[in-house]
């Protein structure tokens, strides 16, 4: 098949910093596989997909849902990771683990009423949207937390809990597992009081304007990673088993949580 002329591929990650080295190696592998120069930057604006600044990226499921809300979206799905571990059932899902300090008296989510709560950012499903949905499901929409703080990143929220700046936070289960592996002292400082989810995990997307044959090659390259012995160390570093194709309807679970929060007029954590 004749490949349309394209000189490079520009990737961006909008996800947790502790996964940046993993994504960098994946992007380099894709470049080798497609015989194209590739770059990876830390994304700052999802509009860069439409503006032609970014060709593909690692994004959260919540902004994916928002970007595909109406009209012809500027992005398309490529694939999503399946994480290592029995809890993930061989499916492209993840959880939000609610953490507190080890000595905290709380034993379940409802014990956190009035606590100081940290989230990573409003555009995060695992840190914000699923917490908001949980409060809607529990009928706790009149004000549950004593204080709500934006941390910026999951890793920052973890350390805010450890340092006692806040009492609790919901952390992406992949990010938390990587942090606990790389910083085992955290395992003695925090514990999980409840797990929210599962939900469909963050996808890898491409800009719609990228030629269709290139999109197909990207998807094949991602999904072949799990069978490449030379790349096993890369995937293991991110606790990833493999990548699999996903369709738009896979993110209907996140759409339903957003819709429930909107129906309850509960769009801001409190």
C-alpha atoms as a PDB file:
ATOM      1  CA  UNK A   1       0.000   0.000   0.000  1.00  0.00           C
ATOM      2  CA  UNK A   2       1.318   3.439  -0.900  1.00  0.00           C
ATOM      3  CA  UNK A   3       1.810   5.555   2.201  1.00  0.00           C
ATOM      4  CA  UNK A   4       0.744   9.233   2.001  1.00  0.00           C
ATOM      5  CA  UNK A   5       3.635  11.652   2.330  1.00  0.00           C
ATOM      6  CA  UNK A   6       4.350  12.440   5.975  1.00  0.00           C
ATOM      7  CA  UNK A   7       7.719  13.442   7.378  1.00  0.00           C
ATOM      8  CA  UNK A   8       7.344  12.944  11.150  1.00  0.00           C
ATOM      9  CA  UNK A   9       4.921  12.135  13.946  1.00  0.00           C
ATOM     10  CA  UNK A  10       4.481  14.453  16.920  1.00  0.00           C
ATOM     11  CA  UNK A  11       3.114  12.829  20.076  1.00  0.00           C
ATOM     12  CA  UNK A  12       2.069  14.455  23.341  1.00  0.00           C
ATOM     13  CA  UNK A  13       1.199  13.029  26.725  1.00  0.00           C
ATOM     14  CA  UNK A  14      -1.444  14.606  28.930  1.00  0.00           C
ATOM     15  CA  UNK A  15      -1.090  11.920  31.598  1.00  0.00           C
ATOM     16  CA  UNK A  16       0.884  11.414  34.811  1.00  0.00           C
ATOM     17  CA  UNK A  17       4.589  12.366  34.777  1.00  0.00           C
ATOM     18  CA  UNK A  18       5.666   9.019  36.203  1.00  0.00           C
ATOM     19  CA  UNK A  19       4.597   7.418  32.909  1.00  0.00           C
ATOM     20  CA  UNK A  20       6.577   9.819  30.712  1.00  0.00           C
ATOM     21  CA  UNK A  21       9.636   7.517  30.323  1.00  0.00           C
ATOM     22  CA  UNK A  22       7.358   4.642  29.294  1.00  0.00           C
ATOM     23  CA  UNK A  23       5.544   6.720  26.692  1.00  0.00           C
ATOM     24  CA  UNK A  24       8.854   8.079  25.404  1.00  0.00           C
ATOM     25  CA  UNK A  25      10.114   4.544  24.737  1.00  0.00           C
ATOM     26  CA  UNK A  26       6.817   3.529  23.130  1.00  0.00           C
ATOM     27  CA  UNK A  27       6.949   6.548  20.828  1.00  0.00           C
ATOM     28  CA  UNK A  28      10.568   5.771  19.893  1.00  0.00           C
ATOM     29  CA  UNK A  29       9.568   2.175  19.100  1.00  0.00           C
ATOM     30  CA  UNK A  30       6.719   3.390  16.891  1.00  0.00           C
ATOM     31  CA  UNK A  31       9.145   5.656  15.055  1.00  0.00           C
ATOM     32  CA  UNK A  32      11.448   2.707  14.400  1.00  0.00           C
ATOM     33  CA  UNK A  33       8.545   0.527  13.305  1.00  0.00           C
ATOM     34  CA  UNK A  34       7.104   3.136  10.924  1.00  0.00           C
ATOM     35  CA  UNK A  35      10.542   4.455   9.904  1.00  0.00           C
ATOM     36  CA  UNK A  36       9.520   7.985  10.768  1.00  0.00           C
ATOM     37  CA  UNK A  37      11.083  10.535  13.128  1.00  0.00           C
ATOM     38  CA  UNK A  38       8.946  10.852  16.261  1.00  0.00           C
ATOM     39  CA  UNK A  39       8.875  13.307  19.145  1.00  0.00           C
ATOM     40  CA  UNK A  40       7.077  13.313  22.480  1.00  0.00           C
ATOM     41  CA  UNK A  41       6.170  16.450  24.395  1.00  0.00           C
ATOM     42  CA  UNK A  42       4.085  17.167  27.475  1.00  0.00           C
ATOM     43  CA  UNK A  43       0.740  18.378  26.155  1.00  0.00           C
ATOM     44  CA  UNK A  44      -0.700  21.696  27.268  1.00  0.00           C
ATOM     45  CA  UNK A  45      -3.796  22.092  25.071  1.00  0.00           C
ATOM     46  CA  UNK A  46      -6.116  19.564  23.458  1.00  0.00           C
ATOM     47  CA  UNK A  47      -6.767  22.160  20.745  1.00  0.00           C
ATOM     48  CA  UNK A  48      -3.279  21.326  19.439  1.00  0.00           C
ATOM     49  CA  UNK A  49      -4.722  18.217  17.774  1.00  0.00           C
ATOM     50  CA  UNK A  50      -6.943  20.395  15.602  1.00  0.00           C
ATOM     51  CA  UNK A  51      -4.322  23.114  15.095  1.00  0.00           C
ATOM     52  CA  UNK A  52      -1.884  20.636  13.600  1.00  0.00           C
ATOM     53  CA  UNK A  53       0.630  20.870  16.449  1.00  0.00           C
ATOM     54  CA  UNK A  54       0.110  17.286  17.689  1.00  0.00           C
ATOM     55  CA  UNK A  55      -0.462  14.179  15.569  1.00  0.00           C
ATOM     56  CA  UNK A  56      -1.155  11.636  18.320  1.00  0.00           C
ATOM     57  CA  UNK A  57      -1.284  11.483  22.075  1.00  0.00           C
ATOM     58  CA  UNK A  58      -1.923   9.760  25.378  1.00  0.00           C
ATOM     59  CA  UNK A  59      -5.003  11.360  26.947  1.00  0.00           C
ATOM     60  CA  UNK A  60      -7.504  10.726  29.722  1.00  0.00           C
ATOM     61  CA  UNK A  61     -10.914   9.254  28.952  1.00  0.00           C
ATOM     62  CA  UNK A  62     -12.750  12.319  30.294  1.00  0.00           C
ATOM     63  CA  UNK A  63     -11.305  14.818  27.790  1.00  0.00           C
ATOM     64  CA  UNK A  64     -11.778  12.202  25.068  1.00  0.00           C
ATOM     65  CA  UNK A  65     -15.480  12.151  25.916  1.00  0.00           C
ATOM     66  CA  UNK A  66     -15.580  15.948  25.980  1.00  0.00           C
ATOM     67  CA  UNK A  67     -13.737  16.291  22.651  1.00  0.00           C
ATOM     68  CA  UNK A  68     -16.138  13.872  20.941  1.00  0.00           C
ATOM     69  CA  UNK A  69     -19.288  15.420  22.372  1.00  0.00           C
ATOM     70  CA  UNK A  70     -20.569  16.992  19.166  1.00  0.00           C
ATOM     71  CA  UNK A  71     -19.816  17.445  15.497  1.00  0.00           C
ATOM     72  CA  UNK A  72     -16.834  15.787  13.862  1.00  0.00           C
ATOM     73  CA  UNK A  73     -14.165  15.469  16.544  1.00  0.00           C
ATOM     74  CA  UNK A  74     -10.557  16.399  15.862  1.00  0.00           C
ATOM     75  CA  UNK A  75      -9.332  13.073  17.266  1.00  0.00           C
ATOM     76  CA  UNK A  76      -9.858   9.347  16.725  1.00  0.00           C
ATOM     77  CA  UNK A  77      -9.113   6.345  18.914  1.00  0.00           C
ATOM     78  CA  UNK A  78      -6.119   4.137  18.211  1.00  0.00           C
ATOM     79  CA  UNK A  79      -5.842   1.734  21.157  1.00  0.00           C
ATOM     80  CA  UNK A  80      -5.797   1.487  24.939  1.00  0.00           C
ATOM     81  CA  UNK A  81      -3.600  -0.416  27.386  1.00  0.00           C
ATOM     82  CA  UNK A  82      -4.521  -3.552  29.297  1.00  0.00           C
ATOM     83  CA  UNK A  83      -2.783  -3.404  32.666  1.00  0.00           C
ATOM     84  CA  UNK A  84      -1.002  -6.223  34.442  1.00  0.00           C
ATOM     85  CA  UNK A  85      -2.803  -7.874  37.341  1.00  0.00           C
ATOM     86  CA  UNK A  86      -5.883  -9.998  38.000  1.00  0.00           C
ATOM     87  CA  UNK A  87      -7.985  -7.000  39.018  1.00  0.00           C
ATOM     88  CA  UNK A  88      -7.957  -5.787  35.390  1.00  0.00           C
ATOM     89  CA  UNK A  89      -9.473  -9.025  34.025  1.00  0.00           C
ATOM     90  CA  UNK A  90      -7.526  -8.772  30.770  1.00  0.00           C
ATOM     91  CA  UNK A  91      -9.607  -5.725  29.816  1.00  0.00           C
ATOM     92  CA  UNK A  92      -8.675  -2.082  29.048  1.00  0.00           C
ATOM     93  CA  UNK A  93      -9.939  -0.779  32.383  1.00  0.00           C
ATOM     94  CA  UNK A  94      -8.551   0.890  35.485  1.00  0.00           C
ATOM     95  CA  UNK A  95      -9.672   2.036  38.920  1.00  0.00           C
ATOM     96  CA  UNK A  96      -9.428   4.992  41.268  1.00  0.00           C
ATOM     97  CA  UNK A  97      -7.955   3.982  44.599  1.00  0.00           C
ATOM     98  CA  UNK A  98      -8.980   6.271  47.455  1.00  0.00           C
ATOM     99  CA  UNK A  99      -5.970   6.732  49.731  1.00  0.00           C
ATOM    100  CA  UNK A 100      -5.518   8.112  53.249  1.00  0.00           C
ATOM    101  CA  UNK A 101      -2.599   8.190  55.655  1.00  0.00           C
ATOM    102  CA  UNK A 102      -1.880   4.848  57.286  1.00  0.00           C
ATOM    103  CA  UNK A 103      -2.947   6.081  60.722  1.00  0.00           C
ATOM    104  CA  UNK A 104      -6.222   7.637  59.499  1.00  0.00           C
ATOM    105  CA  UNK A 105      -9.331   6.292  61.224  1.00  0.00           C
ATOM    106  CA  UNK A 106     -11.378   6.164  57.986  1.00  0.00           C
ATOM    107  CA  UNK A 107     -12.279   2.675  56.759  1.00  0.00           C
ATOM    108  CA  UNK A 108     -14.549   3.522  53.819  1.00  0.00           C
ATOM    109  CA  UNK A 109     -15.378   6.424  51.527  1.00  0.00           C
ATOM    110  CA  UNK A 110     -18.319   7.613  53.628  1.00  0.00           C
ATOM    111  CA  UNK A 111     -15.963   8.036  56.596  1.00  0.00           C
ATOM    112  CA  UNK A 112     -14.316  10.902  54.693  1.00  0.00           C
ATOM    113  CA  UNK A 113     -17.173  13.362  55.201  1.00  0.00           C
ATOM    114  CA  UNK A 114     -15.741  16.771  56.073  1.00  0.00           C
ATOM    115  CA  UNK A 115     -12.178  15.789  55.128  1.00  0.00           C
ATOM    116  CA  UNK A 116      -9.618  17.773  53.148  1.00  0.00           C
ATOM    117  CA  UNK A 117      -9.663  16.231  49.676  1.00  0.00           C
ATOM    118  CA  UNK A 118      -7.119  16.577  46.847  1.00  0.00           C
ATOM    119  CA  UNK A 119      -7.669  15.857  43.171  1.00  0.00           C
ATOM    120  CA  UNK A 120      -5.148  16.070  40.363  1.00  0.00           C
ATOM    121  CA  UNK A 121      -7.098  18.162  37.834  1.00  0.00           C
ATOM    122  CA  UNK A 122     -10.666  18.770  36.717  1.00  0.00           C
ATOM    123  CA  UNK A 123     -10.074  17.069  33.337  1.00  0.00           C
ATOM    124  CA  UNK A 124      -9.178  13.790  35.037  1.00  0.00           C
ATOM    125  CA  UNK A 125     -11.675  10.953  35.163  1.00  0.00           C
ATOM    126  CA  UNK A 126      -9.847   8.991  37.853  1.00  0.00           C
ATOM    127  CA  UNK A 127      -9.166  11.974  40.077  1.00  0.00           C
ATOM    128  CA  UNK A 128     -12.260  14.119  39.567  1.00  0.00           C
ATOM    129  CA  UNK A 129     -15.088  12.727  37.454  1.00  0.00           C
ATOM    130  CA  UNK A 130     -15.475   9.381  39.191  1.00  0.00           C
ATOM    131  CA  UNK A 131     -15.368  11.046  42.622  1.00  0.00           C
ATOM    132  CA  UNK A 132     -18.089  13.440  41.510  1.00  0.00           C
ATOM    133  CA  UNK A 133     -20.140  10.512  40.186  1.00  0.00           C
ATOM    134  CA  UNK A 134     -19.656   8.563  43.422  1.00  0.00           C
ATOM    135  CA  UNK A 135     -21.072  11.470  45.430  1.00  0.00           C
ATOM    136  CA  UNK A 136     -24.041  11.705  43.049  1.00  0.00           C
ATOM    137  CA  UNK A 137     -24.689   7.974  43.398  1.00  0.00           C
ATOM    138  CA  UNK A 138     -24.554   8.289  47.192  1.00  0.00           C
ATOM    139  CA  UNK A 139     -26.898  11.298  47.175  1.00  0.00           C
ATOM    140  CA  UNK A 140     -24.159  13.465  48.669  1.00  0.00           C
ATOM    141  CA  UNK A 141     -24.474  16.535  46.469  1.00  0.00           C
ATOM    142  CA  UNK A 142     -25.031  19.243  49.069  1.00  0.00           C
ATOM    143  CA  UNK A 143     -21.418  19.401  50.167  1.00  0.00           C
ATOM    144  CA  UNK A 144     -19.464  16.372  51.379  1.00  0.00           C
ATOM    145  CA  UNK A 145     -15.844  17.453  51.718  1.00  0.00           C
ATOM    146  CA  UNK A 146     -14.595  20.076  54.139  1.00  0.00           C
ATOM    147  CA  UNK A 147     -12.069  21.431  51.658  1.00  0.00           C
ATOM    148  CA  UNK A 148     -11.189  20.539  48.059  1.00  0.00           C
ATOM    149  CA  UNK A 149      -7.713  21.264  46.648  1.00  0.00           C
ATOM    150  CA  UNK A 150      -6.328  20.902  43.118  1.00  0.00           C
ATOM    151  CA  UNK A 151      -2.916  19.211  43.301  1.00  0.00           C
ATOM    152  CA  UNK A 152      -1.989  19.320  39.601  1.00  0.00           C
ATOM    153  CA  UNK A 153      -0.828  15.698  39.383  1.00  0.00           C
ATOM    154  CA  UNK A 154      -1.720  12.382  41.011  1.00  0.00           C
ATOM    155  CA  UNK A 155       1.851  12.092  42.296  1.00  0.00           C
ATOM    156  CA  UNK A 156       1.500  15.452  44.032  1.00  0.00           C
ATOM    157  CA  UNK A 157      -1.846  14.434  45.543  1.00  0.00           C
ATOM    158  CA  UNK A 158      -0.263  11.265  46.945  1.00  0.00           C
ATOM    159  CA  UNK A 159       2.431  13.261  48.688  1.00  0.00           C
ATOM    160  CA  UNK A 160      -0.063  15.813  49.965  1.00  0.00           C
ATOM    161  CA  UNK A 161      -1.812  12.933  51.731  1.00  0.00           C
ATOM    162  CA  UNK A 162       1.493  11.574  53.056  1.00  0.00           C
ATOM    163  CA  UNK A 163       2.545  15.019  54.333  1.00  0.00           C
ATOM    164  CA  UNK A 164      -0.810  15.683  55.988  1.00  0.00           C
ATOM    165  CA  UNK A 165      -1.685  18.648  53.782  1.00  0.00           C
ATOM    166  CA  UNK A 166      -4.909  16.844  52.880  1.00  0.00           C
ATOM    167  CA  UNK A 167      -6.667  13.788  54.262  1.00  0.00           C
ATOM    168  CA  UNK A 168      -7.548  11.799  51.155  1.00  0.00           C
ATOM    169  CA  UNK A 169      -7.449  11.611  47.361  1.00  0.00           C
ATOM    170  CA  UNK A 170      -8.584   9.329  44.534  1.00  0.00           C
ATOM    171  CA  UNK A 171      -5.574   8.098  42.567  1.00  0.00           C
ATOM    172  CA  UNK A 172      -5.352   6.400  39.169  1.00  0.00           C
ATOM    173  CA  UNK A 173      -4.610   2.767  40.056  1.00  0.00           C
ATOM    174  CA  UNK A 174      -1.836   2.481  37.458  1.00  0.00           C
ATOM    175  CA  UNK A 175      -0.127   5.651  38.685  1.00  0.00           C
ATOM    176  CA  UNK A 176      -0.427   4.510  42.298  1.00  0.00           C
ATOM    177  CA  UNK A 177       0.996   1.061  41.549  1.00  0.00           C
ATOM    178  CA  UNK A 178       3.975   2.545  39.713  1.00  0.00           C
ATOM    179  CA  UNK A 179       4.621   4.987  42.571  1.00  0.00           C
ATOM    180  CA  UNK A 180       4.423   2.241  45.190  1.00  0.00           C
ATOM    181  CA  UNK A 181       6.836   0.100  43.190  1.00  0.00           C
ATOM    182  CA  UNK A 182       9.332   2.906  42.615  1.00  0.00           C
ATOM    183  CA  UNK A 183       8.953   4.437  46.097  1.00  0.00           C
ATOM    184  CA  UNK A 184       8.209   1.504  48.427  1.00  0.00           C
ATOM    185  CA  UNK A 185       8.336   3.741  51.505  1.00  0.00           C
ATOM    186  CA  UNK A 186       4.974   5.150  50.405  1.00  0.00           C
ATOM    187  CA  UNK A 187       3.401   1.767  51.082  1.00  0.00           C
ATOM    188  CA  UNK A 188       3.970   2.253  54.801  1.00  0.00           C
ATOM    189  CA  UNK A 189       2.641   5.804  54.785  1.00  0.00           C
ATOM    190  CA  UNK A 190      -0.708   5.337  53.011  1.00  0.00           C
ATOM    191  CA  UNK A 191      -3.469   2.800  52.601  1.00  0.00           C
ATOM    192  CA  UNK A 192      -6.448   2.352  50.299  1.00  0.00           C
ATOM    193  CA  UNK A 193      -9.838   2.719  51.981  1.00  0.00           C
ATOM    194  CA  UNK A 194     -12.029   2.227  48.911  1.00  0.00           C
ATOM    195  CA  UNK A 195     -11.743   1.545  45.200  1.00  0.00           C
ATOM    196  CA  UNK A 196     -13.928   3.382  42.688  1.00  0.00           C
ATOM    197  CA  UNK A 197     -14.605   1.930  39.264  1.00  0.00           C
ATOM    198  CA  UNK A 198     -13.675   0.268  37.053  1.00  0.00           C
ATOM    199  CA  UNK A 199     -13.794   2.551  34.031  1.00  0.00           C
ATOM    200  CA  UNK A 200     -12.375   2.318  30.537  1.00  0.00           C
ATOM    201  CA  UNK A 201      -8.715   3.273  30.666  1.00  0.00           C
ATOM    202  CA  UNK A 202      -7.044   6.272  29.018  1.00  0.00           C
ATOM    203  CA  UNK A 203      -6.727   5.855  25.242  1.00  0.00           C
ATOM    204  CA  UNK A 204      -4.036   6.603  22.719  1.00  0.00           C
ATOM    205  CA  UNK A 205      -5.567   8.871  20.087  1.00  0.00           C
ATOM    206  CA  UNK A 206      -4.597  10.364  16.766  1.00  0.00           C
ATOM    207  CA  UNK A 207      -5.605  13.587  15.075  1.00  0.00           C
ATOM    208  CA  UNK A 208      -8.381  12.996  12.538  1.00  0.00           C
ATOM    209  CA  UNK A 209      -6.323  14.768   9.865  1.00  0.00           C
ATOM    210  CA  UNK A 210      -3.575  12.109  10.014  1.00  0.00           C
ATOM    211  CA  UNK A 211      -3.832   9.963   6.844  1.00  0.00           C
ATOM    212  CA  UNK A 212      -5.833   6.771   7.332  1.00  0.00           C
ATOM    213  CA  UNK A 213      -2.964   4.432   6.329  1.00  0.00           C
ATOM    214  CA  UNK A 214      -0.733   6.040   8.975  1.00  0.00           C
ATOM    215  CA  UNK A 215      -3.459   5.608  11.589  1.00  0.00           C
ATOM    216  CA  UNK A 216      -3.680   1.938  10.689  1.00  0.00           C
ATOM    217  CA  UNK A 217       0.093   1.524  10.993  1.00  0.00           C
ATOM    218  CA  UNK A 218       0.068   3.274  14.358  1.00  0.00           C
ATOM    219  CA  UNK A 219      -2.649   0.972  15.688  1.00  0.00           C
ATOM    220  CA  UNK A 220      -0.838  -2.132  14.466  1.00  0.00           C
ATOM    221  CA  UNK A 221       2.440  -0.946  16.003  1.00  0.00           C
ATOM    222  CA  UNK A 222       0.802  -0.296  19.382  1.00  0.00           C
ATOM    223  CA  UNK A 223      -1.065  -3.590  19.472  1.00  0.00           C
ATOM    224  CA  UNK A 224       2.057  -5.527  18.460  1.00  0.00           C
ATOM    225  CA  UNK A 225       4.042  -4.223  21.431  1.00  0.00           C
ATOM    226  CA  UNK A 226       2.803  -6.961  23.747  1.00  0.00           C
ATOM    227  CA  UNK A 227       4.228  -9.667  21.450  1.00  0.00           C
ATOM    228  CA  UNK A 228       7.614  -7.969  21.043  1.00  0.00           C
ATOM    229  CA  UNK A 229      10.075  -9.523  23.503  1.00  0.00           C
ATOM    230  CA  UNK A 230      12.447  -6.592  23.025  1.00  0.00           C
ATOM    231  CA  UNK A 231       9.768  -4.167  24.234  1.00  0.00           C
ATOM    232  CA  UNK A 232       8.626  -6.248  27.216  1.00  0.00           C
ATOM    233  CA  UNK A 233      10.783  -4.195  29.580  1.00  0.00           C
ATOM    234  CA  UNK A 234       9.141  -0.999  28.315  1.00  0.00           C
ATOM    235  CA  UNK A 235       5.635  -2.293  28.969  1.00  0.00           C
ATOM    236  CA  UNK A 236       6.629  -3.776  32.318  1.00  0.00           C
ATOM    237  CA  UNK A 237       7.921  -0.377  33.408  1.00  0.00           C
ATOM    238  CA  UNK A 238       4.370   0.933  33.029  1.00  0.00           C
ATOM    239  CA  UNK A 239       2.734  -2.264  34.367  1.00  0.00           C
ATOM    240  CA  UNK A 240       1.169  -2.723  30.933  1.00  0.00           C
ATOM    241  CA  UNK A 241       0.374  -6.164  29.529  1.00  0.00           C
ATOM    242  CA  UNK A 242      -0.457  -5.028  26.004  1.00  0.00           C
ATOM    243  CA  UNK A 243      -2.423  -2.521  23.946  1.00  0.00           C
ATOM    244  CA  UNK A 244      -5.740  -3.430  22.307  1.00  0.00           C
ATOM    245  CA  UNK A 245      -8.035  -1.650  19.825  1.00  0.00           C
ATOM    246  CA  UNK A 246     -10.988   0.187  21.391  1.00  0.00           C
ATOM    247  CA  UNK A 247     -14.104   1.696  19.908  1.00  0.00           C
ATOM    248  CA  UNK A 248     -15.887   4.901  20.803  1.00  0.00           C
ATOM    249  CA  UNK A 249     -18.646   3.060  22.669  1.00  0.00           C
ATOM    250  CA  UNK A 250     -16.067   1.755  25.139  1.00  0.00           C
ATOM    251  CA  UNK A 251     -16.166   5.215  26.731  1.00  0.00           C
ATOM    252  CA  UNK A 252     -19.934   5.245  27.231  1.00  0.00           C
ATOM    253  CA  UNK A 253     -19.310   4.395  30.888  1.00  0.00           C
ATOM    254  CA  UNK A 254     -17.516   7.698  31.393  1.00  0.00           C
ATOM    255  CA  UNK A 255     -20.179   9.519  29.371  1.00  0.00           C
ATOM    256  CA  UNK A 256     -22.836   8.081  31.683  1.00  0.00           C
ATOM    257  CA  UNK A 257     -21.000   9.354  34.759  1.00  0.00           C
ATOM    258  CA  UNK A 258     -20.712  12.832  33.261  1.00  0.00           C
ATOM    259  CA  UNK A 259     -24.414  12.762  32.373  1.00  0.00           C
ATOM    260  CA  UNK A 260     -25.358  11.706  35.909  1.00  0.00           C
ATOM    261  CA  UNK A 261     -23.387  14.604  37.397  1.00  0.00           C
ATOM    262  CA  UNK A 262     -24.999  17.043  34.949  1.00  0.00           C
ATOM    263  CA  UNK A 263     -28.492  15.709  35.698  1.00  0.00           C
ATOM    264  CA  UNK A 264     -27.848  16.231  39.392  1.00  0.00           C
ATOM    265  CA  UNK A 265     -26.431  19.728  38.721  1.00  0.00           C
ATOM    266  CA  UNK A 266     -23.321  18.590  40.543  1.00  0.00           C
ATOM    267  CA  UNK A 267     -20.413  19.558  38.291  1.00  0.00           C
ATOM    268  CA  UNK A 268     -18.044  20.885  40.946  1.00  0.00           C
ATOM    269  CA  UNK A 269     -16.660  18.760  43.782  1.00  0.00           C
ATOM    270  CA  UNK A 270     -17.598  20.034  47.197  1.00  0.00           C
END
